[in-house]
Amino acid sequence: MELENKDDLNQGKYVEIPDRTGTSILLIIFLGVLPGIIALIYNNKASDLYCQAMASKDNYARESLYQKAKQKDKVSKTWIIIGFTLPFALFIIGIIVVFVSEAMGINI
């Protein structure tokens, strides 16, 4: 992949977008199907935009595509965090509800 201005890459202006496919698939399998699928879709969009940005010879187009890729990656990361934390939060809330109801003498 030949870039018009290699100095931008060497100076860290365009940092590679992390691949979150494996994490998204683990999320789909073990915890939450919906957040995992959404994270996988946004991860694929981010990867595609990043590849398009690095292949672009126009600096303006490269910058625009790179910023879009970063936004999609941020959304993907957010859905991964939601997918991993929500089941555990609901589990803790369920345990609290059971203990409180037992303490109050209410049978569930």
Protein backbone atom coordinates (compact mmCIF):
# COMPACT_ATOMS: atom_id res chain seq x y z
CA MET A 1 0.00 0.00 0.00
CA GLU A 2 1.72 3.16 -1.23
CA LEU A 3 0.81 6.35 0.54
CA GLU A 4 1.28 9.84 -0.83
CA ASN A 5 2.59 11.21 2.45
CA LYS A 6 4.33 8.52 4.50
CA ASP A 7 5.44 11.05 7.10
CA ASP A 8 1.87 11.23 8.44
CA LEU A 9 1.97 7.52 9.22
CA ASN A 10 5.44 7.70 10.73
CA GLN A 11 4.41 10.57 13.00
CA GLY A 12 1.42 8.60 14.29
CA LYS A 13 -1.24 10.75 12.68
CA TYR A 14 -3.07 7.66 11.43
CA VAL A 15 -3.08 5.02 14.14
CA GLU A 16 -4.34 1.62 13.07
CA ILE A 17 -7.92 0.85 14.11
CA PRO A 18 -7.97 -2.19 16.43
CA ASP A 19 -9.73 -5.30 15.22
CA ARG A 20 -12.51 -6.16 17.68
CA THR A 21 -13.95 -9.08 15.69
CA GLY A 22 -12.82 -11.74 18.16
CA THR A 23 -14.16 -9.84 21.14
CA SER A 24 -17.48 -9.29 19.38
CA ILE A 25 -17.80 -12.98 18.53
CA LEU A 26 -17.01 -13.99 22.13
CA LEU A 27 -19.66 -11.56 23.26
CA ILE A 28 -22.20 -13.09 20.87
CA ILE A 29 -21.41 -16.63 22.02
CA PHE A 30 -21.25 -16.15 25.79
CA LEU A 31 -23.12 -13.06 26.93
CA GLY A 32 -25.27 -10.99 24.64
CA VAL A 33 -26.31 -11.65 21.10
CA LEU A 34 -27.68 -8.19 20.29
CA PRO A 35 -24.77 -6.06 21.61
CA GLY A 36 -22.30 -8.50 20.06
CA ILE A 37 -23.91 -8.31 16.63
CA ILE A 38 -24.08 -4.52 16.75
CA ALA A 39 -20.42 -4.34 17.83
CA LEU A 40 -19.42 -6.73 15.03
CA ILE A 41 -21.24 -4.67 12.41
CA TYR A 42 -19.64 -1.42 13.56
CA ASN A 43 -16.24 -3.11 13.77
CA ASN A 44 -16.53 -4.25 10.16
CA LYS A 45 -17.58 -0.75 9.07
CA ALA A 46 -14.58 0.73 10.91
CA SER A 47 -12.20 -1.74 9.29
CA ASP A 48 -13.57 -1.04 5.82
CA LEU A 49 -13.35 2.73 6.30
CA TYR A 50 -9.81 2.44 7.65
CA CYS A 51 -8.71 0.40 4.63
CA GLN A 52 -10.34 2.89 2.28
CA ALA A 53 -8.63 5.76 4.10
CA MET A 54 -5.19 4.19 3.86
CA ALA A 55 -5.71 3.38 0.17
CA SER A 56 -6.85 6.91 -0.66
CA LYS A 57 -4.33 9.17 -2.39
CA ASP A 58 -6.26 12.34 -1.57
CA ASN A 59 -5.25 13.69 1.85
CA TYR A 60 -8.68 15.24 2.50
CA ALA A 61 -10.48 11.99 1.68
CA ARG A 62 -8.00 10.02 3.77
CA GLU A 63 -8.55 12.27 6.77
CA SER A 64 -12.33 12.18 6.38
CA LEU A 65 -12.47 8.39 6.05
CA TYR A 66 -10.06 7.94 8.93
CA GLN A 67 -12.20 10.11 11.23
CA LYS A 68 -15.31 8.13 10.25
CA ALA A 69 -13.44 4.88 10.97
CA LYS A 70 -12.48 6.18 14.42
CA GLN A 71 -16.13 7.06 15.14
CA LYS A 72 -17.34 3.61 14.08
CA ASP A 73 -14.63 2.00 16.20
CA LYS A 74 -15.71 4.05 19.22
CA VAL A 75 -19.33 2.89 18.77
CA SER A 76 -18.14 -0.72 18.45
CA LYS A 77 -16.11 -0.41 21.66
CA THR A 78 -19.10 1.11 23.46
CA TRP A 79 -21.36 -1.81 22.47
CA ILE A 80 -18.71 -4.29 23.59
CA ILE A 81 -18.53 -2.60 27.00
CA ILE A 82 -22.34 -2.58 27.25
CA GLY A 83 -22.50 -6.23 26.24
CA PHE A 84 -19.98 -7.31 28.86
CA THR A 85 -21.21 -5.17 31.76
CA LEU A 86 -24.99 -5.36 31.37
CA PRO A 87 -25.38 -9.11 32.10
CA PHE A 88 -23.22 -8.84 35.21
CA ALA A 89 -25.07 -5.74 36.42
CA LEU A 90 -28.41 -7.50 35.95
CA PHE A 91 -27.07 -10.55 37.80
CA ILE A 92 -25.98 -8.39 40.76
CA ILE A 93 -29.34 -6.59 40.80
CA GLY A 94 -31.11 -9.97 40.77
CA ILE A 95 -29.07 -11.18 43.74
CA ILE A 96 -29.84 -7.98 45.65
CA VAL A 97 -33.56 -8.34 44.91
CA VAL A 98 -33.54 -11.95 46.16
CA PHE A 99 -31.72 -11.06 49.39
CA VAL A 100 -33.92 -8.03 50.09
CA SER A 101 -37.11 -9.98 49.43
CA GLU A 102 -35.92 -12.81 51.68
CA ALA A 103 -35.07 -10.30 54.42
CA MET A 104 -38.55 -8.80 54.12
CA GLY A 105 -40.17 -12.23 54.24
CA ILE A 106 -41.45 -12.15 50.66
CA ASN A 107 -41.15 -15.43 48.78
CA ILE A 108 -40.23 -15.16 45.15
